[in-house]
Amino acid sequence: MGDLLFQLFSMLVMVGFVTVFIYILVSYLNRSKKSSTIEDKLDRIIELLEQERKKE
């Protein structure tokens, strides 16, 4: 009975590590997408401001 519990515990630990790794990877990818959209918006704002300066 103890061997079975140890195997189950070991499997749960391994599955937990894989789950945590996937969660960290997905959250990192989502952050990089958000930051790229913010950078794109800031670039657009800068372009508009430069266009306004040229008009004056």
N, C-alpha and C. Protein backbone atom coordinates (compact mmCIF):
# COMPACT_ATOMS: atom_id res chain seq x y z
N MET A 1 0.83 -1.20 0.00
CA MET A 1 0.00 0.00 0.00
C MET A 1 0.88 1.26 0.00
N GLY A 2 1.97 1.22 0.73
CA GLY A 2 2.85 2.38 0.79
C GLY A 2 3.51 2.66 -0.55
N ASP A 3 3.86 1.59 -1.28
CA ASP A 3 4.46 1.77 -2.60
C ASP A 3 3.49 2.44 -3.56
N LEU A 4 2.23 2.04 -3.49
CA LEU A 4 1.21 2.63 -4.36
C LEU A 4 1.02 4.11 -4.05
N LEU A 5 0.97 4.45 -2.79
CA LEU A 5 0.83 5.86 -2.40
C LEU A 5 2.04 6.67 -2.85
N PHE A 6 3.22 6.10 -2.72
CA PHE A 6 4.43 6.81 -3.15
C PHE A 6 4.42 7.04 -4.65
N GLN A 7 3.99 6.05 -5.44
CA GLN A 7 3.92 6.21 -6.89
C GLN A 7 2.89 7.27 -7.27
N LEU A 8 1.75 7.26 -6.62
CA LEU A 8 0.72 8.27 -6.91
C LEU A 8 1.23 9.67 -6.56
N PHE A 9 1.88 9.78 -5.42
CA PHE A 9 2.44 11.07 -5.02
C PHE A 9 3.50 11.56 -6.00
N SER A 10 4.36 10.63 -6.44
CA SER A 10 5.41 10.99 -7.40
C SER A 10 4.80 11.45 -8.72
N MET A 11 3.77 10.76 -9.18
CA MET A 11 3.11 11.15 -10.43
C MET A 11 2.45 12.52 -10.30
N LEU A 12 1.82 12.76 -9.16
CA LEU A 12 1.18 14.06 -8.95
C LEU A 12 2.21 15.19 -8.93
N VAL A 13 3.36 14.94 -8.35
CA VAL A 13 4.42 15.95 -8.32
C VAL A 13 4.90 16.24 -9.75
N MET A 14 5.10 15.20 -10.54
CA MET A 14 5.55 15.40 -11.93
C MET A 14 4.51 16.16 -12.75
N VAL A 15 3.24 15.78 -12.60
CA VAL A 15 2.17 16.48 -13.31
C VAL A 15 2.09 17.93 -12.85
N GLY A 16 2.31 18.15 -11.57
CA GLY A 16 2.29 19.52 -11.05
C GLY A 16 3.40 20.37 -11.65
N PHE A 17 4.60 19.82 -11.78
CA PHE A 17 5.71 20.56 -12.39
C PHE A 17 5.40 20.91 -13.83
N VAL A 18 4.86 19.96 -14.58
CA VAL A 18 4.51 20.22 -15.98
C VAL A 18 3.43 21.29 -16.07
N THR A 19 2.43 21.21 -15.21
CA THR A 19 1.34 22.19 -15.21
C THR A 19 1.86 23.58 -14.89
N VAL A 20 2.72 23.69 -13.90
CA VAL A 20 3.28 24.99 -13.53
C VAL A 20 4.14 25.55 -14.67
N PHE A 21 4.92 24.70 -15.32
CA PHE A 21 5.75 25.14 -16.44
C PHE A 21 4.89 25.67 -17.58
N ILE A 22 3.82 24.94 -17.92
CA ILE A 22 2.93 25.39 -19.00
C ILE A 22 2.25 26.69 -18.61
N TYR A 23 1.82 26.83 -17.37
CA TYR A 23 1.17 28.06 -16.91
C TYR A 23 2.12 29.26 -17.03
N ILE A 24 3.37 29.07 -16.61
CA ILE A 24 4.35 30.16 -16.70
C ILE A 24 4.61 30.52 -18.15
N LEU A 25 4.72 29.54 -19.02
CA LEU A 25 4.96 29.78 -20.44
C LEU A 25 3.81 30.55 -21.06
N VAL A 26 2.59 30.14 -20.79
CA VAL A 26 1.41 30.81 -21.36
C VAL A 26 1.29 32.24 -20.84
N SER A 27 1.52 32.44 -19.55
CA SER A 27 1.41 33.80 -19.01
C SER A 27 2.50 34.70 -19.58
N TYR A 28 3.70 34.17 -19.80
CA TYR A 28 4.77 34.96 -20.42
C TYR A 28 4.41 35.34 -21.84
N LEU A 29 3.84 34.43 -22.60
CA LEU A 29 3.45 34.72 -23.98
C LEU A 29 2.33 35.76 -24.02
N ASN A 30 1.39 35.69 -23.09
CA ASN A 30 0.32 36.68 -23.05
C ASN A 30 0.86 38.06 -22.71
N ARG A 31 1.81 38.14 -21.81
CA ARG A 31 2.41 39.43 -21.45
C ARG A 31 3.14 40.04 -22.63
N SER A 32 3.85 39.22 -23.39
CA SER A 32 4.60 39.75 -24.52
C SER A 32 3.65 40.27 -25.59
N LYS A 33 2.50 39.64 -25.77
CA LYS A 33 1.51 40.13 -26.74
C LYS A 33 0.95 41.48 -26.29
N LYS A 34 0.65 41.60 -24.99
CA LYS A 34 0.10 42.85 -24.48
C LYS A 34 1.10 43.98 -24.61
N SER A 35 2.34 43.72 -24.32
CA SER A 35 3.34 44.78 -24.40
C SER A 35 3.56 45.20 -25.84
N SER A 36 3.45 44.27 -26.79
CA SER A 36 3.65 44.65 -28.19
C SER A 36 2.48 45.51 -28.67
N THR A 37 1.26 45.25 -28.21
CA THR A 37 0.14 46.09 -28.62
C THR A 37 0.27 47.48 -28.01
N ILE A 38 0.74 47.56 -26.79
CA ILE A 38 0.94 48.86 -26.16
C ILE A 38 2.02 49.64 -26.91
N GLU A 39 3.09 48.94 -27.30
CA GLU A 39 4.15 49.61 -28.06
C GLU A 39 3.63 50.11 -29.39
N ASP A 40 2.78 49.32 -30.05
CA ASP A 40 2.20 49.75 -31.32
C ASP A 40 1.34 51.00 -31.14
N LYS A 41 0.57 51.03 -30.07
CA LYS A 41 -0.27 52.20 -29.81
C LYS A 41 0.59 53.43 -29.53
N LEU A 42 1.65 53.26 -28.76
CA LEU A 42 2.53 54.39 -28.47
C LEU A 42 3.21 54.89 -29.74
N ASP A 43 3.62 53.97 -30.61
CA ASP A 43 4.22 54.38 -31.88
C ASP A 43 3.23 55.19 -32.71
N ARG A 44 1.98 54.77 -32.72
CA ARG A 44 0.94 55.50 -33.48
C ARG A 44 0.74 56.90 -32.89
N ILE A 45 0.72 57.02 -31.58
CA ILE A 45 0.56 58.33 -30.94
C ILE A 45 1.72 59.23 -31.30
N ILE A 46 2.93 58.70 -31.27
CA ILE A 46 4.11 59.49 -31.62
C ILE A 46 4.03 59.97 -33.06
N GLU A 47 3.59 59.09 -33.96
CA GLU A 47 3.44 59.49 -35.36
C GLU A 47 2.44 60.62 -35.51
N LEU A 48 1.32 60.52 -34.81
CA LEU A 48 0.30 61.58 -34.89
C LEU A 48 0.82 62.90 -34.34
N LEU A 49 1.57 62.85 -33.24
CA LEU A 49 2.14 64.07 -32.68
C LEU A 49 3.14 64.70 -33.63
N GLU A 50 3.94 63.88 -34.29
CA GLU A 50 4.91 64.41 -35.25
C GLU A 50 4.20 65.03 -36.44
N GLN A 51 3.10 64.44 -36.87
CA GLN A 51 2.34 65.02 -37.97
C GLN A 51 1.75 66.37 -37.58
N GLU A 52 1.29 66.49 -36.35
CA GLU A 52 0.74 67.77 -35.87
C GLU A 52 1.83 68.84 -35.84
N ARG A 53 3.02 68.50 -35.44
CA ARG A 53 4.12 69.45 -35.38
C ARG A 53 4.49 69.94 -36.79
N LYS A 54 4.43 69.06 -37.75
CA LYS A 54 4.77 69.43 -39.12
C LYS A 54 3.72 70.37 -39.70
N LYS A 55 2.47 70.25 -39.31
CA LYS A 55 1.39 71.09 -39.80
C LYS A 55 1.56 72.52 -39.27
N GLU A 56 2.10 72.66 -38.09
CA GLU A 56 2.23 73.99 -37.48
C GLU A 56 3.36 74.70 -38.07
